[in-house]
């Protein structure tokens, strides 16, 4: 794909350089990403069946607490995705 984009004269804007370690634990997948220009990010994904969306969110927050995270560790910026987060950190994109 990179060759095609270069042949079409696309220029790279942001390169996301990350290493990921993924773990399965009970009804969760936990991914720890070390992202250049962002830092370490932990994602917790529910993989099992829960009673409701609200129950799923509650269980994810409980898992985060078990892992030692608090509400202040949560960032709405992560919803931007890594590319926009890197751009924001470099001053290319302002939200």
N, C-alpha and C. Protein backbone atom coordinates (compact mmCIF):
# COMPACT_ATOMS: atom_id res chain seq x y z
N UNK A 1 0.83 -1.19 0.00
CA UNK A 1 0.00 0.00 0.00
C UNK A 1 0.88 1.26 0.00
N UNK A 2 1.96 1.21 0.77
CA UNK A 2 2.84 2.38 0.84
C UNK A 2 3.42 2.73 -0.53
N UNK A 3 3.77 1.72 -1.30
CA UNK A 3 4.29 1.95 -2.65
C UNK A 3 3.25 2.63 -3.54
N UNK A 4 2.02 2.19 -3.42
CA UNK A 4 0.94 2.78 -4.23
C UNK A 4 0.75 4.25 -3.86
N UNK A 5 0.71 4.54 -2.56
CA UNK A 5 0.53 5.92 -2.13
C UNK A 5 1.68 6.81 -2.58
N UNK A 6 2.90 6.30 -2.49
CA UNK A 6 4.06 7.08 -2.97
C UNK A 6 3.98 7.30 -4.47
N UNK A 7 3.57 6.27 -5.22
CA UNK A 7 3.44 6.40 -6.67
C UNK A 7 2.39 7.43 -7.04
N UNK A 8 1.38 7.57 -6.21
CA UNK A 8 0.33 8.57 -6.44
C UNK A 8 0.71 9.94 -5.87
N UNK A 9 1.95 10.05 -5.38
CA UNK A 9 2.53 11.27 -4.83
C UNK A 9 1.87 11.76 -3.55
N UNK A 10 1.33 10.80 -2.77
CA UNK A 10 0.85 11.14 -1.44
C UNK A 10 2.06 11.39 -0.55
N UNK A 11 1.94 12.35 0.34
CA UNK A 11 3.02 12.67 1.29
C UNK A 11 2.56 12.27 2.70
N UNK A 12 3.43 11.58 3.44
CA UNK A 12 3.05 11.20 4.81
C UNK A 12 2.84 12.44 5.68
N UNK A 13 1.77 12.46 6.42
CA UNK A 13 1.48 13.55 7.34
C UNK A 13 1.85 13.14 8.76
N UNK A 14 1.39 11.99 9.17
CA UNK A 14 1.66 11.46 10.50
C UNK A 14 1.99 9.98 10.38
N UNK A 15 3.00 9.55 11.10
CA UNK A 15 3.33 8.13 11.18
C UNK A 15 3.11 7.71 12.62
N UNK A 16 2.28 6.69 12.80
CA UNK A 16 2.03 6.17 14.14
C UNK A 16 2.98 5.00 14.37
N UNK A 17 3.89 5.20 15.30
CA UNK A 17 4.89 4.18 15.64
C UNK A 17 4.53 3.66 17.03
N UNK A 18 4.06 2.40 17.08
CA UNK A 18 3.64 1.87 18.37
C UNK A 18 4.03 0.41 18.52
N UNK A 19 4.15 0.03 19.78
CA UNK A 19 4.33 -1.37 20.15
C UNK A 19 3.14 -1.72 21.03
N UNK A 20 2.56 -2.89 20.79
CA UNK A 20 1.37 -3.29 21.55
C UNK A 20 1.59 -4.65 22.20
N UNK A 21 1.19 -4.73 23.45
CA UNK A 21 1.11 -6.01 24.15
C UNK A 21 -0.37 -6.20 24.49
N UNK A 22 -0.92 -7.35 24.11
CA UNK A 22 -2.34 -7.60 24.35
C UNK A 22 -2.49 -8.80 25.27
N UNK A 23 -3.47 -8.69 26.16
CA UNK A 23 -3.70 -9.73 27.17
C UNK A 23 -5.18 -10.06 27.22
N UNK A 24 -5.50 -11.34 27.38
CA UNK A 24 -6.87 -11.77 27.64
C UNK A 24 -6.98 -12.05 29.13
N UNK A 25 -8.05 -11.53 29.73
CA UNK A 25 -8.30 -11.78 31.14
C UNK A 25 -9.80 -11.85 31.35
N UNK A 26 -10.26 -13.03 31.70
CA UNK A 26 -11.69 -13.27 31.91
C UNK A 26 -12.48 -12.76 30.71
N UNK A 27 -13.35 -11.76 30.91
CA UNK A 27 -14.19 -11.26 29.81
C UNK A 27 -13.64 -9.98 29.19
N UNK A 28 -12.31 -9.80 29.26
CA UNK A 28 -11.71 -8.56 28.77
C UNK A 28 -10.49 -8.84 27.91
N UNK A 29 -10.25 -7.91 26.99
CA UNK A 29 -8.96 -7.84 26.31
C UNK A 29 -8.34 -6.53 26.75
N UNK A 30 -7.10 -6.62 27.21
CA UNK A 30 -6.40 -5.44 27.69
C UNK A 30 -5.19 -5.23 26.79
N UNK A 31 -5.12 -4.08 26.15
CA UNK A 31 -4.01 -3.75 25.27
C UNK A 31 -3.21 -2.60 25.87
N UNK A 32 -1.90 -2.79 25.90
CA UNK A 32 -1.01 -1.74 26.39
C UNK A 32 -0.17 -1.32 25.19
N UNK A 33 -0.38 -0.07 24.76
CA UNK A 33 0.34 0.47 23.61
C UNK A 33 1.38 1.47 24.07
N UNK A 34 2.58 1.36 23.55
CA UNK A 34 3.62 2.37 23.75
C UNK A 34 3.73 3.11 22.43
N UNK A 35 3.20 4.32 22.40
CA UNK A 35 3.07 5.08 21.15
C UNK A 35 4.05 6.25 21.16
N UNK A 36 4.91 6.29 20.16
CA UNK A 36 5.87 7.38 20.04
C UNK A 36 5.12 8.71 19.92
N UNK A 37 5.55 9.71 20.65
CA UNK A 37 4.96 11.05 20.68
C UNK A 37 3.61 11.12 21.40
N UNK A 38 3.20 10.00 22.02
CA UNK A 38 1.96 9.99 22.81
C UNK A 38 2.26 9.48 24.22
N UNK A 39 2.91 8.34 24.30
CA UNK A 39 3.20 7.71 25.58
C UNK A 39 2.54 6.35 25.66
N UNK A 40 2.38 5.86 26.88
CA UNK A 40 1.78 4.54 27.10
C UNK A 40 0.27 4.70 27.29
N UNK A 41 -0.48 3.89 26.55
CA UNK A 41 -1.94 3.94 26.59
C UNK A 41 -2.45 2.53 26.88
N UNK A 42 -3.41 2.44 27.78
CA UNK A 42 -4.03 1.16 28.10
C UNK A 42 -5.48 1.19 27.63
N UNK A 43 -5.85 0.20 26.84
CA UNK A 43 -7.23 0.07 26.38
C UNK A 43 -7.83 -1.19 26.99
N UNK A 44 -9.03 -1.07 27.50
CA UNK A 44 -9.73 -2.22 28.07
C UNK A 44 -10.99 -2.43 27.25
N UNK A 45 -11.10 -3.61 26.67
CA UNK A 45 -12.25 -3.93 25.83
C UNK A 45 -13.01 -5.10 26.43
N UNK A 46 -14.31 -4.95 26.55
CA UNK A 46 -15.15 -6.04 27.04
C UNK A 46 -15.34 -7.07 25.93
N UNK A 47 -15.12 -8.32 26.23
CA UNK A 47 -15.26 -9.38 25.24
C UNK A 47 -16.41 -10.32 25.55
N UNK A 48 -16.92 -10.23 26.76
CA UNK A 48 -17.99 -11.14 27.17
C UNK A 48 -19.35 -10.51 27.05
N UNK A 49 -20.34 -11.27 27.40
CA UNK A 49 -21.71 -10.77 27.41
C UNK A 49 -22.02 -10.20 28.79
N UNK A 50 -22.52 -8.99 28.80
CA UNK A 50 -22.91 -8.33 30.04
C UNK A 50 -24.40 -8.01 29.94
N UNK A 51 -24.99 -7.63 31.05
CA UNK A 51 -26.44 -7.39 31.12
C UNK A 51 -26.90 -6.25 30.21
N UNK A 52 -26.08 -5.20 30.12
CA UNK A 52 -26.46 -4.01 29.36
C UNK A 52 -25.21 -3.22 29.02
N UNK A 53 -25.38 -2.19 28.22
CA UNK A 53 -24.26 -1.30 27.90
C UNK A 53 -23.75 -0.64 29.18
N UNK A 54 -24.68 -0.21 30.03
CA UNK A 54 -24.31 0.44 31.28
C UNK A 54 -23.51 -0.52 32.16
N UNK A 55 -23.94 -1.79 32.22
CA UNK A 55 -23.22 -2.80 33.01
C UNK A 55 -21.83 -3.03 32.43
N UNK A 56 -21.73 -3.03 31.10
CA UNK A 56 -20.44 -3.21 30.44
C UNK A 56 -19.50 -2.07 30.82
N UNK A 57 -19.98 -0.83 30.76
CA UNK A 57 -19.16 0.33 31.14
C UNK A 57 -18.71 0.22 32.60
N UNK A 58 -19.62 -0.20 33.46
CA UNK A 58 -19.30 -0.37 34.88
C UNK A 58 -18.21 -1.42 35.07
N UNK A 59 -18.31 -2.54 34.38
CA UNK A 59 -17.31 -3.61 34.49
C UNK A 59 -15.95 -3.16 33.95
N UNK A 60 -15.96 -2.37 32.88
CA UNK A 60 -14.70 -1.85 32.35
C UNK A 60 -14.05 -0.91 33.37
N UNK A 61 -14.84 -0.06 34.00
CA UNK A 61 -14.30 0.85 35.02
C UNK A 61 -13.78 0.06 36.23
N UNK A 62 -14.47 -1.01 36.59
CA UNK A 62 -14.00 -1.86 37.69
C UNK A 62 -12.65 -2.49 37.33
N UNK A 63 -12.52 -2.96 36.09
CA UNK A 63 -11.25 -3.55 35.64
C UNK A 63 -10.15 -2.49 35.66
N UNK A 64 -10.47 -1.28 35.25
CA UNK A 64 -9.48 -0.19 35.28
C UNK A 64 -9.01 0.06 36.72
N UNK A 65 -9.94 0.04 37.66
CA UNK A 65 -9.56 0.23 39.08
C UNK A 65 -8.67 -0.91 39.56
N UNK A 66 -9.00 -2.13 39.17
CA UNK A 66 -8.16 -3.29 39.53
C UNK A 66 -6.74 -3.10 39.02
N UNK A 67 -6.63 -2.52 37.83
CA UNK A 67 -5.31 -2.28 37.22
C UNK A 67 -4.60 -1.06 37.82
N UNK A 68 -5.30 -0.34 38.71
CA UNK A 68 -4.68 0.80 39.38
C UNK A 68 -4.98 2.15 38.77
N UNK A 69 -5.90 2.21 37.82
CA UNK A 69 -6.26 3.48 37.20
C UNK A 69 -7.37 4.17 37.99
N UNK A 70 -7.38 5.49 37.90
CA UNK A 70 -8.45 6.29 38.50
C UNK A 70 -9.14 7.06 37.38
N UNK A 71 -10.24 7.71 37.70
CA UNK A 71 -10.97 8.50 36.70
C UNK A 71 -10.10 9.59 36.09
N UNK A 72 -9.17 10.15 36.87
CA UNK A 72 -8.32 11.22 36.34
C UNK A 72 -7.34 10.70 35.28
N UNK A 73 -7.12 9.37 35.25
CA UNK A 73 -6.25 8.78 34.23
C UNK A 73 -6.95 8.68 32.88
N UNK A 74 -8.28 8.77 32.88
CA UNK A 74 -9.06 8.68 31.65
C UNK A 74 -8.91 9.95 30.84
N UNK A 75 -8.82 9.80 29.54
CA UNK A 75 -8.71 10.98 28.68
C UNK A 75 -9.70 10.88 27.54
N UNK A 76 -10.45 11.93 27.33
CA UNK A 76 -11.35 11.99 26.18
C UNK A 76 -10.56 12.12 24.88
N UNK A 77 -9.31 12.61 24.98
CA UNK A 77 -8.49 12.79 23.77
C UNK A 77 -8.25 11.48 23.03
N UNK A 78 -8.25 10.35 23.75
CA UNK A 78 -7.95 9.08 23.10
C UNK A 78 -8.98 8.76 22.02
N UNK A 79 -10.17 9.34 22.14
CA UNK A 79 -11.20 9.12 21.12
C UNK A 79 -10.80 9.71 19.77
N UNK A 80 -9.81 10.61 19.78
CA UNK A 80 -9.32 11.19 18.53
C UNK A 80 -8.61 10.15 17.68
N UNK A 81 -8.04 9.16 18.29
CA UNK A 81 -7.19 8.20 17.60
C UNK A 81 -5.74 8.67 17.67
N UNK A 82 -4.84 7.74 17.48
CA UNK A 82 -3.42 8.05 17.65
C UNK A 82 -2.91 9.11 16.67
N UNK A 83 -3.32 9.04 15.41
CA UNK A 83 -2.80 9.99 14.42
C UNK A 83 -3.15 11.43 14.80
N UNK A 84 -4.40 11.68 15.15
CA UNK A 84 -4.79 13.04 15.54
C UNK A 84 -4.20 13.44 16.88
N UNK A 85 -4.02 12.48 17.78
CA UNK A 85 -3.39 12.77 19.06
C UNK A 85 -1.93 13.20 18.87
N UNK A 86 -1.23 12.51 17.98
CA UNK A 86 0.16 12.89 17.66
C UNK A 86 0.18 14.28 17.03
N UNK A 87 -0.73 14.53 16.09
CA UNK A 87 -0.80 15.84 15.44
C UNK A 87 -1.08 16.93 16.47
N UNK A 88 -1.97 16.67 17.39
CA UNK A 88 -2.28 17.64 18.45
C UNK A 88 -1.06 17.89 19.33
N UNK A 89 -0.36 16.82 19.72
CA UNK A 89 0.84 16.97 20.56
C UNK A 89 1.96 17.72 19.85
N UNK A 90 2.01 17.62 18.52
CA UNK A 90 3.04 18.32 17.74
C UNK A 90 2.59 19.71 17.31
N UNK A 91 1.36 20.07 17.66
CA UNK A 91 0.85 21.40 17.30
C UNK A 91 0.33 21.51 15.88
N UNK A 92 0.20 20.38 15.19
CA UNK A 92 -0.30 20.38 13.81
C UNK A 92 -1.82 20.53 13.81
N UNK A 93 -2.47 19.96 14.81
CA UNK A 93 -3.92 19.96 14.92
C UNK A 93 -4.29 20.52 16.29
N UNK A 94 -5.22 21.43 16.30
CA UNK A 94 -5.67 22.00 17.57
C UNK A 94 -7.14 21.71 17.72
N UNK A 95 -7.49 21.13 18.87
CA UNK A 95 -8.89 20.81 19.13
C UNK A 95 -9.48 21.83 20.06
